[in-house]
Amino acid sequence: MRLAATRVLEPAGFTVIAAADAAAALAWLAVVSADLAICDVEALAPTGTSAIDAITDIDPSVQILTLFAKQRDTAGMLPHVVNALGKPFTPSELLTKVRRALIRKGSLPVDSGPSVRE
């Protein structure tokens, strides 16, 4: 998922720091200001909420985009996360979700340009 997201986001002009696991991501977030964190909830133990809570503890302003299996019931799983994207996803779906999160944060102008064509 990291490689797929990086291959979509970097050519679209986004700076990506890809971390191998939640611990590495949290270490980066402790020293680097980020606008958005993309978290694969299946890759986090046990429900993903502990890493997401840790992200919001480090910087409550970071937007969080959670990735999850489309068939998974996520109702009530992450009540404070408003951005979610089911896997598998298309490049345009990822870009749309990322842009919306960054616009919500105020880090990206509303007119953020065209999306990547598949």
PDB file of N, CA and C in Angstrom:
ATOM      1  N   MET A   1       0.826  -1.183   0.000  1.00  0.00           N
ATOM      2  CA  MET A   1       0.000   0.000   0.000  1.00  0.00           C
ATOM      3  C   MET A   1       0.874   1.250   0.000  1.00  0.00           C
ATOM      4  N   ARG A   2       2.000   1.195   0.773  1.00  0.00           N
ATOM      5  CA  ARG A   2       2.894   2.367   0.809  1.00  0.00           C
ATOM      6  C   ARG A   2       3.407   2.702  -0.584  1.00  0.00           C
ATOM      7  N   LEU A   3       3.854   1.687  -1.292  1.00  0.00           N
ATOM      8  CA  LEU A   3       4.416   1.899  -2.623  1.00  0.00           C
ATOM      9  C   LEU A   3       3.349   2.416  -3.582  1.00  0.00           C
ATOM     10  N   ALA A   4       2.159   1.848  -3.538  1.00  0.00           N
ATOM     11  CA  ALA A   4       1.079   2.296  -4.420  1.00  0.00           C
ATOM     12  C   ALA A   4       0.729   3.754  -4.141  1.00  0.00           C
ATOM     13  N   ALA A   5       0.601   4.102  -2.877  1.00  0.00           N
ATOM     14  CA  ALA A   5       0.263   5.486  -2.526  1.00  0.00           C
ATOM     15  C   ALA A   5       1.377   6.436  -2.952  1.00  0.00           C
ATOM     16  N   THR A   6       2.616   6.051  -2.729  1.00  0.00           N
ATOM     17  CA  THR A   6       3.744   6.897  -3.111  1.00  0.00           C
ATOM     18  C   THR A   6       3.771   7.112  -4.621  1.00  0.00           C
ATOM     19  N   ARG A   7       3.520   6.050  -5.381  1.00  0.00           N
ATOM     20  CA  ARG A   7       3.524   6.149  -6.847  1.00  0.00           C
ATOM     21  C   ARG A   7       2.418   7.053  -7.384  1.00  0.00           C
ATOM     22  N   VAL A   8       1.368   7.231  -6.636  1.00  0.00           N
ATOM     23  CA  VAL A   8       0.280   8.124  -7.041  1.00  0.00           C
ATOM     24  C   VAL A   8       0.530   9.546  -6.542  1.00  0.00           C
ATOM     25  N   LEU A   9       0.941   9.685  -5.296  1.00  0.00           N
ATOM     26  CA  LEU A   9       1.006  11.007  -4.671  1.00  0.00           C
ATOM     27  C   LEU A   9       2.218  11.828  -5.096  1.00  0.00           C
ATOM     28  N   GLU A  10       3.388  11.225  -5.197  1.00  0.00           N
ATOM     29  CA  GLU A  10       4.577  12.006  -5.562  1.00  0.00           C
ATOM     30  C   GLU A  10       4.462  12.644  -6.949  1.00  0.00           C
ATOM     31  N   PRO A  11       4.050  11.908  -7.988  1.00  0.00           N
ATOM     32  CA  PRO A  11       3.904  12.563  -9.296  1.00  0.00           C
ATOM     33  C   PRO A  11       2.840  13.665  -9.311  1.00  0.00           C
ATOM     34  N   ALA A  12       1.910  13.606  -8.358  1.00  0.00           N
ATOM     35  CA  ALA A  12       0.878  14.650  -8.251  1.00  0.00           C
ATOM     36  C   ALA A  12       1.387  15.866  -7.482  1.00  0.00           C
ATOM     37  N   GLY A  13       2.659  15.828  -7.053  1.00  0.00           N
ATOM     38  CA  GLY A  13       3.262  16.986  -6.397  1.00  0.00           C
ATOM     39  C   GLY A  13       3.286  16.944  -4.885  1.00  0.00           C
ATOM     40  N   PHE A  14       2.885  15.835  -4.283  1.00  0.00           N
ATOM     41  CA  PHE A  14       2.889  15.719  -2.826  1.00  0.00           C
ATOM     42  C   PHE A  14       4.216  15.153  -2.341  1.00  0.00           C
ATOM     43  N   THR A  15       4.685  15.639  -1.198  1.00  0.00           N
ATOM     44  CA  THR A  15       5.861  15.082  -0.553  1.00  0.00           C
ATOM     45  C   THR A  15       5.399  13.922   0.314  1.00  0.00           C
ATOM     46  N   VAL A  16       6.015  12.760   0.137  1.00  0.00           N
ATOM     47  CA  VAL A  16       5.609  11.551   0.845  1.00  0.00           C
ATOM     48  C   VAL A  16       6.762  11.047   1.696  1.00  0.00           C
ATOM     49  N   ILE A  17       6.481  10.775   2.947  1.00  0.00           N
ATOM     50  CA  ILE A  17       7.414  10.071   3.821  1.00  0.00           C
ATOM     51  C   ILE A  17       6.735   8.751   4.149  1.00  0.00           C
ATOM     52  N   ALA A  18       7.280   7.669   3.618  1.00  0.00           N
ATOM     53  CA  ALA A  18       6.675   6.352   3.813  1.00  0.00           C
ATOM     54  C   ALA A  18       7.372   5.654   4.972  1.00  0.00           C
ATOM     55  N   ALA A  19       6.590   5.167   5.906  1.00  0.00           N
ATOM     56  CA  ALA A  19       7.126   4.483   7.081  1.00  0.00           C
ATOM     57  C   ALA A  19       6.726   3.008   7.026  1.00  0.00           C
ATOM     58  N   ALA A  20       7.631   2.151   7.450  1.00  0.00           N
ATOM     59  CA  ALA A  20       7.403   0.709   7.385  1.00  0.00           C
ATOM     60  C   ALA A  20       6.354   0.223   8.373  1.00  0.00           C
ATOM     61  N   ASP A  21       6.198   0.942   9.478  1.00  0.00           N
ATOM     62  CA  ASP A  21       5.236   0.508  10.492  1.00  0.00           C
ATOM     63  C   ASP A  21       4.815   1.704  11.335  1.00  0.00           C
ATOM     64  N   ALA A  22       3.884   1.451  12.239  1.00  0.00           N
ATOM     65  CA  ALA A  22       3.347   2.538  13.060  1.00  0.00           C
ATOM     66  C   ALA A  22       4.425   3.194  13.918  1.00  0.00           C
ATOM     67  N   ALA A  23       5.338   2.398  14.468  1.00  0.00           N
ATOM     68  CA  ALA A  23       6.394   2.965  15.313  1.00  0.00           C
ATOM     69  C   ALA A  23       7.278   3.924  14.520  1.00  0.00           C
ATOM     70  N   ALA A  24       7.640   3.542  13.309  1.00  0.00           N
ATOM     71  CA  ALA A  24       8.466   4.410  12.463  1.00  0.00           C
ATOM     72  C   ALA A  24       7.710   5.677  12.081  1.00  0.00           C
ATOM     73  N   ALA A  25       6.426   5.534  11.774  1.00  0.00           N
ATOM     74  CA  ALA A  25       5.615   6.700  11.422  1.00  0.00           C
ATOM     75  C   ALA A  25       5.516   7.674  12.590  1.00  0.00           C
ATOM     76  N   LEU A  26       5.305   7.142  13.783  1.00  0.00           N
ATOM     77  CA  LEU A  26       5.207   8.002  14.966  1.00  0.00           C
ATOM     78  C   LEU A  26       6.531   8.702  15.248  1.00  0.00           C
ATOM     79  N   ALA A  27       7.640   8.011  15.012  1.00  0.00           N
ATOM     80  CA  ALA A  27       8.957   8.639  15.194  1.00  0.00           C
ATOM     81  C   ALA A  27       9.125   9.810  14.225  1.00  0.00           C
ATOM     82  N   TRP A  28       8.712   9.631  12.973  1.00  0.00           N
ATOM     83  CA  TRP A  28       8.784  10.720  12.001  1.00  0.00           C
ATOM     84  C   TRP A  28       7.901  11.886  12.411  1.00  0.00           C
ATOM     85  N   LEU A  29       6.672  11.567  12.814  1.00  0.00           N
ATOM     86  CA  LEU A  29       5.730  12.630  13.169  1.00  0.00           C
ATOM     87  C   LEU A  29       6.174  13.424  14.391  1.00  0.00           C
ATOM     88  N   ALA A  30       7.009  12.831  15.212  1.00  0.00           N
ATOM     89  CA  ALA A  30       7.518  13.529  16.389  1.00  0.00           C
ATOM     90  C   ALA A  30       8.508  14.629  16.005  1.00  0.00           C
ATOM     91  N   VAL A  31       9.117  14.519  14.811  1.00  0.00           N
ATOM     92  CA  VAL A  31      10.133  15.497  14.411  1.00  0.00           C
ATOM     93  C   VAL A  31       9.794  16.267  13.138  1.00  0.00           C
ATOM     94  N   VAL A  32       8.814  15.791  12.381  1.00  0.00           N
ATOM     95  CA  VAL A  32       8.443  16.422  11.110  1.00  0.00           C
ATOM     96  C   VAL A  32       6.987  16.861  11.184  1.00  0.00           C
ATOM     97  N   SER A  33       6.727  18.066  10.764  1.00  0.00           N
ATOM     98  CA  SER A  33       5.345  18.546  10.714  1.00  0.00           C
ATOM     99  C   SER A  33       4.675  17.963   9.475  1.00  0.00           C
ATOM    100  N   ALA A  34       3.561  17.297   9.678  1.00  0.00           N
ATOM    101  CA  ALA A  34       2.837  16.683   8.568  1.00  0.00           C
ATOM    102  C   ALA A  34       1.422  17.234   8.512  1.00  0.00           C
ATOM    103  N   ASP A  35       0.904  17.335   7.313  1.00  0.00           N
ATOM    104  CA  ASP A  35      -0.478  17.759   7.133  1.00  0.00           C
ATOM    105  C   ASP A  35      -1.424  16.572   7.140  1.00  0.00           C
ATOM    106  N   LEU A  36      -0.928  15.408   6.692  1.00  0.00           N
ATOM    107  CA  LEU A  36      -1.780  14.241   6.521  1.00  0.00           C
ATOM    108  C   LEU A  36      -1.003  12.976   6.863  1.00  0.00           C
ATOM    109  N   ALA A  37      -1.654  12.066   7.563  1.00  0.00           N
ATOM    110  CA  ALA A  37      -1.107  10.735   7.813  1.00  0.00           C
ATOM    111  C   ALA A  37      -2.084   9.733   7.204  1.00  0.00           C
ATOM    112  N   ILE A  38      -1.563   8.808   6.424  1.00  0.00           N
ATOM    113  CA  ILE A  38      -2.388   7.756   5.836  1.00  0.00           C
ATOM    114  C   ILE A  38      -2.085   6.483   6.607  1.00  0.00           C
ATOM    115  N   CYS A  39      -3.111   5.899   7.210  1.00  0.00           N
ATOM    116  CA  CYS A  39      -2.944   4.716   8.062  1.00  0.00           C
ATOM    117  C   CYS A  39      -3.766   3.562   7.527  1.00  0.00           C
ATOM    118  N   ASP A  40      -3.114   2.440   7.311  1.00  0.00           N
ATOM    119  CA  ASP A  40      -3.803   1.213   6.920  1.00  0.00           C
ATOM    120  C   ASP A  40      -4.219   0.513   8.204  1.00  0.00           C
ATOM    121  N   VAL A  41      -5.500   0.547   8.528  1.00  0.00           N
ATOM    122  CA  VAL A  41      -5.939   0.033   9.823  1.00  0.00           C
ATOM    123  C   VAL A  41      -5.718  -1.466   9.969  1.00  0.00           C
ATOM    124  N   GLU A  42      -5.680  -2.223   8.858  1.00  0.00           N
ATOM    125  CA  GLU A  42      -5.389  -3.648   8.966  1.00  0.00           C
ATOM    126  C   GLU A  42      -3.931  -3.896   9.344  1.00  0.00           C
ATOM    127  N   ALA A  43      -3.064  -2.943   9.049  1.00  0.00           N
ATOM    128  CA  ALA A  43      -1.643  -3.106   9.362  1.00  0.00           C
ATOM    129  C   ALA A  43      -1.310  -2.696  10.793  1.00  0.00           C
ATOM    130  N   LEU A  44      -2.259  -2.100  11.479  1.00  0.00           N
ATOM    131  CA  LEU A  44      -2.036  -1.638  12.843  1.00  0.00           C
ATOM    132  C   LEU A  44      -2.643  -2.635  13.822  1.00  0.00           C
ATOM    133  N   ALA A  45      -2.043  -2.781  14.973  1.00  0.00           N
ATOM    134  CA  ALA A  45      -2.523  -3.765  15.945  1.00  0.00           C
ATOM    135  C   ALA A  45      -3.216  -3.076  17.101  1.00  0.00           C
ATOM    136  N   PRO A  46      -4.269  -3.624  17.663  1.00  0.00           N
ATOM    137  CA  PRO A  46      -5.127  -4.647  17.069  1.00  0.00           C
ATOM    138  C   PRO A  46      -6.208  -4.044  16.178  1.00  0.00           C
ATOM    139  N   THR A  47      -6.649  -2.814  16.447  1.00  0.00           N
ATOM    140  CA  THR A  47      -7.725  -2.212  15.652  1.00  0.00           C
ATOM    141  C   THR A  47      -7.279  -0.969  14.904  1.00  0.00           C
ATOM    142  N   GLY A  48      -6.077  -0.534  15.098  1.00  0.00           N
ATOM    143  CA  GLY A  48      -5.617   0.686  14.457  1.00  0.00           C
ATOM    144  C   GLY A  48      -5.805   1.918  15.315  1.00  0.00           C
ATOM    145  N   THR A  49      -6.647   1.810  16.332  1.00  0.00           N
ATOM    146  CA  THR A  49      -6.955   3.009  17.109  1.00  0.00           C
ATOM    147  C   THR A  49      -5.786   3.478  17.957  1.00  0.00           C
ATOM    148  N   SER A  50      -4.939   2.579  18.425  1.00  0.00           N
ATOM    149  CA  SER A  50      -3.844   3.031  19.287  1.00  0.00           C
ATOM    150  C   SER A  50      -2.852   3.907  18.519  1.00  0.00           C
ATOM    151  N   ALA A  51      -2.505   3.536  17.300  1.00  0.00           N
ATOM    152  CA  ALA A  51      -1.592   4.360  16.510  1.00  0.00           C
ATOM    153  C   ALA A  51      -2.262   5.672  16.117  1.00  0.00           C
ATOM    154  N   ILE A  52      -3.537   5.602  15.783  1.00  0.00           N
ATOM    155  CA  ILE A  52      -4.249   6.819  15.401  1.00  0.00           C
ATOM    156  C   ILE A  52      -4.376   7.754  16.594  1.00  0.00           C
ATOM    157  N   ASP A  53      -4.655   7.210  17.761  1.00  0.00           N
ATOM    158  CA  ASP A  53      -4.673   8.036  18.969  1.00  0.00           C
ATOM    159  C   ASP A  53      -3.303   8.654  19.220  1.00  0.00           C
ATOM    160  N   ALA A  54      -2.236   7.888  18.977  1.00  0.00           N
ATOM    161  CA  ALA A  54      -0.880   8.408  19.174  1.00  0.00           C
ATOM    162  C   ALA A  54      -0.584   9.544  18.201  1.00  0.00           C
ATOM    163  N   ILE A  55      -1.055   9.427  16.971  1.00  0.00           N
ATOM    164  CA  ILE A  55      -0.863  10.498  15.984  1.00  0.00           C
ATOM    165  C   ILE A  55      -1.546  11.769  16.468  1.00  0.00           C
ATOM    166  N   THR A  56      -2.786  11.655  16.906  1.00  0.00           N
ATOM    167  CA  THR A  56      -3.498  12.846  17.366  1.00  0.00           C
ATOM    168  C   THR A  56      -2.907  13.408  18.653  1.00  0.00           C
ATOM    169  N   ASP A  57      -2.269  12.553  19.462  1.00  0.00           N
ATOM    170  CA  ASP A  57      -1.569  13.050  20.652  1.00  0.00           C
ATOM    171  C   ASP A  57      -0.349  13.872  20.262  1.00  0.00           C
ATOM    172  N   ILE A  58       0.366  13.445  19.213  1.00  0.00           N
ATOM    173  CA  ILE A  58       1.550  14.171  18.755  1.00  0.00           C
ATOM    174  C   ILE A  58       1.152  15.500  18.124  1.00  0.00           C
ATOM    175  N   ASP A  59       0.151  15.464  17.245  1.00  0.00           N
ATOM    176  CA  ASP A  59      -0.289  16.684  16.562  1.00  0.00           C
ATOM    177  C   ASP A  59      -1.775  16.561  16.228  1.00  0.00           C
ATOM    178  N   PRO A  60      -2.621  17.174  17.019  1.00  0.00           N
ATOM    179  CA  PRO A  60      -4.067  17.068  16.782  1.00  0.00           C
ATOM    180  C   PRO A  60      -4.530  17.668  15.457  1.00  0.00           C
ATOM    181  N   SER A  61      -3.697  18.486  14.822  1.00  0.00           N
ATOM    182  CA  SER A  61      -4.104  19.110  13.562  1.00  0.00           C
ATOM    183  C   SER A  61      -3.841  18.231  12.346  1.00  0.00           C
ATOM    184  N   VAL A  62      -3.121  17.139  12.519  1.00  0.00           N
ATOM    185  CA  VAL A  62      -2.833  16.250  11.393  1.00  0.00           C
ATOM    186  C   VAL A  62      -4.132  15.595  10.927  1.00  0.00           C
ATOM    187  N   GLN A  63      -4.402  15.703   9.644  1.00  0.00           N
ATOM    188  CA  GLN A  63      -5.523  14.978   9.055  1.00  0.00           C
ATOM    189  C   GLN A  63      -5.121  13.515   8.950  1.00  0.00           C
ATOM    190  N   ILE A  64      -6.056  12.612   9.185  1.00  0.00           N
ATOM    191  CA  ILE A  64      -5.762  11.179   9.115  1.00  0.00           C
ATOM    192  C   ILE A  64      -6.687  10.554   8.085  1.00  0.00           C
ATOM    193  N   LEU A  65      -6.084   9.874   7.116  1.00  0.00           N
ATOM    194  CA  LEU A  65      -6.838   9.117   6.128  1.00  0.00           C
ATOM    195  C   LEU A  65      -6.623   7.642   6.442  1.00  0.00           C
ATOM    196  N   THR A  66      -7.685   6.961   6.810  1.00  0.00           N
ATOM    197  CA  THR A  66      -7.575   5.542   7.141  1.00  0.00           C
ATOM    198  C   THR A  66      -7.917   4.705   5.923  1.00  0.00           C
ATOM    199  N   LEU A  67      -7.109   3.673   5.714  1.00  0.00           N
ATOM    200  CA  LEU A  67      -7.373   2.706   4.657  1.00  0.00           C
ATOM    201  C   LEU A  67      -7.907   1.445   5.313  1.00  0.00           C
ATOM    202  N   PHE A  68      -8.903   0.832   4.709  1.00  0.00           N
ATOM    203  CA  PHE A  68      -9.493  -0.372   5.279  1.00  0.00           C
ATOM    204  C   PHE A  68     -10.034  -1.232   4.149  1.00  0.00           C
ATOM    205  N   ALA A  69     -10.205  -2.515   4.415  1.00  0.00           N
ATOM    206  CA  ALA A  69     -10.802  -3.408   3.429  1.00  0.00           C
ATOM    207  C   ALA A  69     -12.252  -3.007   3.215  1.00  0.00           C
ATOM    208  N   LYS A  70     -12.682  -2.903   1.967  1.00  0.00           N
ATOM    209  CA  LYS A  70     -14.033  -2.428   1.666  1.00  0.00           C
ATOM    210  C   LYS A  70     -15.120  -3.265   2.314  1.00  0.00           C
ATOM    211  N   GLN A  71     -14.866  -4.559   2.513  1.00  0.00           N
ATOM    212  CA  GLN A  71     -15.888  -5.408   3.110  1.00  0.00           C
ATOM    213  C   GLN A  71     -15.924  -5.310   4.636  1.00  0.00           C
ATOM    214  N   ARG A  72     -14.996  -4.589   5.238  1.00  0.00           N
ATOM    215  CA  ARG A  72     -14.949  -4.474   6.697  1.00  0.00           C
ATOM    216  C   ARG A  72     -15.988  -3.486   7.213  1.00  0.00           C
ATOM    217  N   ASP A  73     -16.639  -3.834   8.300  1.00  0.00           N
ATOM    218  CA  ASP A  73     -17.592  -2.929   8.939  1.00  0.00           C
ATOM    219  C   ASP A  73     -16.808  -1.979   9.834  1.00  0.00           C
ATOM    220  N   THR A  74     -16.775  -0.709   9.472  1.00  0.00           N
ATOM    221  CA  THR A  74     -15.992   0.269  10.223  1.00  0.00           C
ATOM    222  C   THR A  74     -16.857   1.152  11.109  1.00  0.00           C
ATOM    223  N   ALA A  75     -18.127   0.872  11.177  1.00  0.00           N
ATOM    224  CA  ALA A  75     -19.025   1.702  11.980  1.00  0.00           C
ATOM    225  C   ALA A  75     -18.564   1.751  13.431  1.00  0.00           C
ATOM    226  N   GLY A  76     -18.318   2.951  13.921  1.00  0.00           N
ATOM    227  CA  GLY A  76     -17.919   3.142  15.305  1.00  0.00           C
ATOM    228  C   GLY A  76     -16.476   2.794  15.609  1.00  0.00           C
ATOM    229  N   MET A  77     -15.734   2.281  14.617  1.00  0.00           N
ATOM    230  CA  MET A  77     -14.364   1.843  14.872  1.00  0.00           C
ATOM    231  C   MET A  77     -13.454   3.023  15.200  1.00  0.00           C
ATOM    232  N   LEU A  78     -13.547   4.078  14.419  1.00  0.00           N
ATOM    233  CA  LEU A  78     -12.669   5.232  14.586  1.00  0.00           C
ATOM    234  C   LEU A  78     -13.522   6.499  14.570  1.00  0.00           C
ATOM    235  N   PRO A  79     -14.189   6.786  15.647  1.00  0.00           N
ATOM    236  CA  PRO A  79     -15.157   7.884  15.636  1.00  0.00           C
ATOM    237  C   PRO A  79     -14.559   9.259  15.370  1.00  0.00           C
ATOM    238  N   HIS A  80     -13.281   9.490  15.677  1.00  0.00           N
ATOM    239  CA  HIS A  80     -12.709  10.815  15.473  1.00  0.00           C
ATOM    240  C   HIS A  80     -12.000  10.959  14.131  1.00  0.00           C
ATOM    241  N   VAL A  81     -12.057   9.928  13.304  1.00  0.00           N
ATOM    242  CA  VAL A  81     -11.445   9.989  11.981  1.00  0.00           C
ATOM    243  C   VAL A  81     -12.553  10.136  10.953  1.00  0.00           C
ATOM    244  N   VAL A  82     -12.516  11.215  10.194  1.00  0.00           N
ATOM    245  CA  VAL A  82     -13.580  11.476   9.233  1.00  0.00           C
ATOM    246  C   VAL A  82     -13.184  11.092   7.811  1.00  0.00           C
ATOM    247  N   ASN A  83     -11.935  10.784   7.578  1.00  0.00           N
ATOM    248  CA  ASN A  83     -11.455  10.420   6.249  1.00  0.00           C
ATOM    249  C   ASN A  83     -11.174   8.928   6.205  1.00  0.00           C
ATOM    250  N   ALA A  84     -11.816   8.225   5.288  1.00  0.00           N
ATOM    251  CA  ALA A  84     -11.573   6.794   5.143  1.00  0.00           C
ATOM    252  C   ALA A  84     -11.650   6.432   3.669  1.00  0.00           C
ATOM    253  N   LEU A  85     -10.860   5.437   3.286  1.00  0.00           N
ATOM    254  CA  LEU A  85     -10.822   4.984   1.898  1.00  0.00           C
ATOM    255  C   LEU A  85     -10.719   3.472   1.894  1.00  0.00           C
ATOM    256  N   GLY A  86     -11.657   2.835   1.214  1.00  0.00           N
ATOM    257  CA  GLY A  86     -11.659   1.377   1.133  1.00  0.00           C
ATOM    258  C   GLY A  86     -10.654   0.864   0.123  1.00  0.00           C
ATOM    259  N   LYS A  87     -10.064  -0.288   0.452  1.00  0.00           N
ATOM    260  CA  LYS A  87      -9.115  -0.952  -0.448  1.00  0.00           C
ATOM    261  C   LYS A  87      -9.842  -2.087  -1.142  1.00  0.00           C
ATOM    262  N   PRO A  88      -9.560  -2.337  -2.382  1.00  0.00           N
ATOM    263  CA  PRO A  88      -8.620  -1.592  -3.226  1.00  0.00           C
ATOM    264  C   PRO A  88      -9.221  -0.254  -3.659  1.00  0.00           C
ATOM    265  N   PHE A  89      -8.337   0.672  -4.008  1.00  0.00           N
ATOM    266  CA  PHE A  89      -8.777   1.988  -4.447  1.00  0.00           C
ATOM    267  C   PHE A  89      -8.069   2.344  -5.738  1.00  0.00           C
ATOM    268  N   THR A  90      -8.659   3.268  -6.464  1.00  0.00           N
ATOM    269  CA  THR A  90      -8.035   3.735  -7.703  1.00  0.00           C
ATOM    270  C   THR A  90      -7.155   4.940  -7.382  1.00  0.00           C
ATOM    271  N   PRO A  91      -6.220   5.256  -8.261  1.00  0.00           N
ATOM    272  CA  PRO A  91      -5.413   6.458  -8.044  1.00  0.00           C
ATOM    273  C   PRO A  91      -6.267   7.715  -7.889  1.00  0.00           C
ATOM    274  N   SER A  92      -7.317   7.841  -8.672  1.00  0.00           N
ATOM    275  CA  SER A  92      -8.143   9.052  -8.562  1.00  0.00           C
ATOM    276  C   SER A  92      -8.897   9.090  -7.241  1.00  0.00           C
ATOM    277  N   GLU A  93      -9.328   7.931  -6.717  1.00  0.00           N
ATOM    278  CA  GLU A  93      -9.985   7.915  -5.405  1.00  0.00           C
ATOM    279  C   GLU A  93      -9.019   8.365  -4.312  1.00  0.00           C
ATOM    280  N   LEU A  94      -7.779   7.880  -4.367  1.00  0.00           N
ATOM    281  CA  LEU A  94      -6.778   8.281  -3.378  1.00  0.00           C
ATOM    282  C   LEU A  94      -6.514   9.778  -3.458  1.00  0.00           C
ATOM    283  N   LEU A  95      -6.286  10.280  -4.663  1.00  0.00           N
ATOM    284  CA  LEU A  95      -6.027  11.715  -4.822  1.00  0.00           C
ATOM    285  C   LEU A  95      -7.200  12.561  -4.346  1.00  0.00           C
ATOM    286  N   THR A  96      -8.399  12.137  -4.638  1.00  0.00           N
ATOM    287  CA  THR A  96      -9.583  12.878  -4.192  1.00  0.00           C
ATOM    288  C   THR A  96      -9.634  12.948  -2.672  1.00  0.00           C
ATOM    289  N   LYS A  97      -9.429  11.819  -2.006  1.00  0.00           N
ATOM    290  CA  LYS A  97      -9.470  11.789  -0.536  1.00  0.00           C
ATOM    291  C   LYS A  97      -8.348  12.624   0.065  1.00  0.00           C
ATOM    292  N   VAL A  98      -7.150  12.529  -0.499  1.00  0.00           N
ATOM    293  CA  VAL A  98      -6.009  13.305   0.009  1.00  0.00           C
ATOM    294  C   VAL A  98      -6.281  14.787  -0.163  1.00  0.00           C
ATOM    295  N   ARG A  99      -6.725  15.179  -1.329  1.00  0.00           N
ATOM    296  CA  ARG A  99      -7.003  16.599  -1.578  1.00  0.00           C
ATOM    297  C   ARG A  99      -8.095  17.131  -0.659  1.00  0.00           C
ATOM    298  N   ARG A 100      -9.153  16.355  -0.466  1.00  0.00           N
ATOM    299  CA  ARG A 100     -10.234  16.796   0.431  1.00  0.00           C
ATOM    300  C   ARG A 100      -9.726  16.991   1.856  1.00  0.00           C
ATOM    301  N   ALA A 101      -8.892  16.063   2.320  1.00  0.00           N
ATOM    302  CA  ALA A 101      -8.351  16.176   3.678  1.00  0.00           C
ATOM    303  C   ALA A 101      -7.469  17.414   3.803  1.00  0.00           C
ATOM    304  N   LEU A 102      -6.648  17.677   2.795  1.00  0.00           N
ATOM    305  CA  LEU A 102      -5.749  18.831   2.853  1.00  0.00           C
ATOM    306  C   LEU A 102      -6.503  20.148   2.689  1.00  0.00           C
ATOM    307  N   ILE A 103      -7.559  20.141   1.906  1.00  0.00           N
ATOM    308  CA  ILE A 103      -8.407  21.336   1.795  1.00  0.00           C
ATOM    309  C   ILE A 103      -9.075  21.592   3.141  1.00  0.00           C
ATOM    310  N   ARG A 104      -9.580  20.539   3.782  1.00  0.00           N
ATOM    311  CA  ARG A 104     -10.228  20.674   5.099  1.00  0.00           C
ATOM    312  C   ARG A 104      -9.254  21.275   6.104  1.00  0.00           C
ATOM    313  N   LYS A 105      -8.002  20.867   6.052  1.00  0.00           N
ATOM    314  CA  LYS A 105      -6.988  21.386   6.972  1.00  0.00           C
ATOM    315  C   LYS A 105      -6.578  22.812   6.612  1.00  0.00           C
ATOM    316  N   GLY A 106      -6.791  23.198   5.366  1.00  0.00           N
ATOM    317  CA  GLY A 106      -6.360  24.518   4.909  1.00  0.00           C
ATOM    318  C   GLY A 106      -4.966  24.501   4.315  1.00  0.00           C
ATOM    319  N   SER A 107      -4.430  23.317   4.056  1.00  0.00           N
ATOM    320  CA  SER A 107      -3.080  23.173   3.510  1.00  0.00           C
ATOM    321  C   SER A 107      -3.048  23.169   1.991  1.00  0.00           C
ATOM    322  N   LEU A 108      -4.214  23.116   1.379  1.00  0.00           N
ATOM    323  CA  LEU A 108      -4.297  23.034  -0.076  1.00  0.00           C
ATOM    324  C   LEU A 108      -5.433  23.945  -0.518  1.00  0.00           C
ATOM    325  N   PRO A 109      -5.214  24.740  -1.570  1.00  0.00           N
ATOM    326  CA  PRO A 109      -6.295  25.588  -2.046  1.00  0.00           C
ATOM    327  C   PRO A 109      -7.448  24.738  -2.593  1.00  0.00           C
ATOM    328  N   VAL A 110      -8.627  25.295  -2.580  1.00  0.00           N
ATOM    329  CA  VAL A 110      -9.804  24.568  -3.054  1.00  0.00           C
ATOM    330  C   VAL A 110      -9.611  24.111  -4.494  1.00  0.00           C
ATOM    331  N   ASP A 111      -9.020  24.944  -5.350  1.00  0.00           N
ATOM    332  CA  ASP A 111      -8.732  24.550  -6.716  1.00  0.00           C
ATOM    333  C   ASP A 111      -7.352  23.912  -6.747  1.00  0.00           C
ATOM    334  N   SER A 112      -7.311  22.590  -6.537  1.00  0.00           N
ATOM    335  CA  SER A 112      -6.023  21.904  -6.436  1.00  0.00           C
ATOM    336  C   SER A 112      -5.615  21.212  -7.720  1.00  0.00           C
ATOM    337  N   GLY A 113      -6.237  21.552  -8.822  1.00  0.00           N
ATOM    338  CA  GLY A 113      -5.823  21.017 -10.106  1.00  0.00           C
ATOM    339  C   GLY A 113      -6.491  19.708 -10.448  1.00  0.00           C
ATOM    340  N   PRO A 114      -6.187  19.196 -11.650  1.00  0.00           N
ATOM    341  CA  PRO A 114      -6.816  17.973 -12.130  1.00  0.00           C
ATOM    342  C   PRO A 114      -6.282  16.745 -11.406  1.00  0.00           C
ATOM    343  N   SER A 115      -7.078  15.709 -11.396  1.00  0.00           N
ATOM    344  CA  SER A 115      -6.647  14.459 -10.777  1.00  0.00           C
ATOM    345  C   SER A 115      -5.872  13.615 -11.770  1.00  0.00           C
ATOM    346  N   VAL A 116      -5.196  12.606 -11.274  1.00  0.00           N
ATOM    347  CA  VAL A 116      -4.442  11.682 -12.131  1.00  0.00           C
ATOM    348  C   VAL A 116      -5.414  10.827 -12.910  1.00  0.00           C
ATOM    349  N   ARG A 117      -5.135  10.634 -14.167  1.00  0.00           N
ATOM    350  CA  ARG A 117      -5.966   9.752 -14.985  1.00  0.00           C
ATOM    351  C   ARG A 117      -5.471   8.324 -14.820  1.00  0.00           C
ATOM    352  N   GLU A 118      -6.418   7.417 -14.820  1.00  0.00           N
ATOM    353  CA  GLU A 118      -6.051   6.002 -14.663  1.00  0.00           C
ATOM    354  C   GLU A 118      -5.717   5.403 -16.002  1.00  0.00           C
TER     355      GLU A 118
END
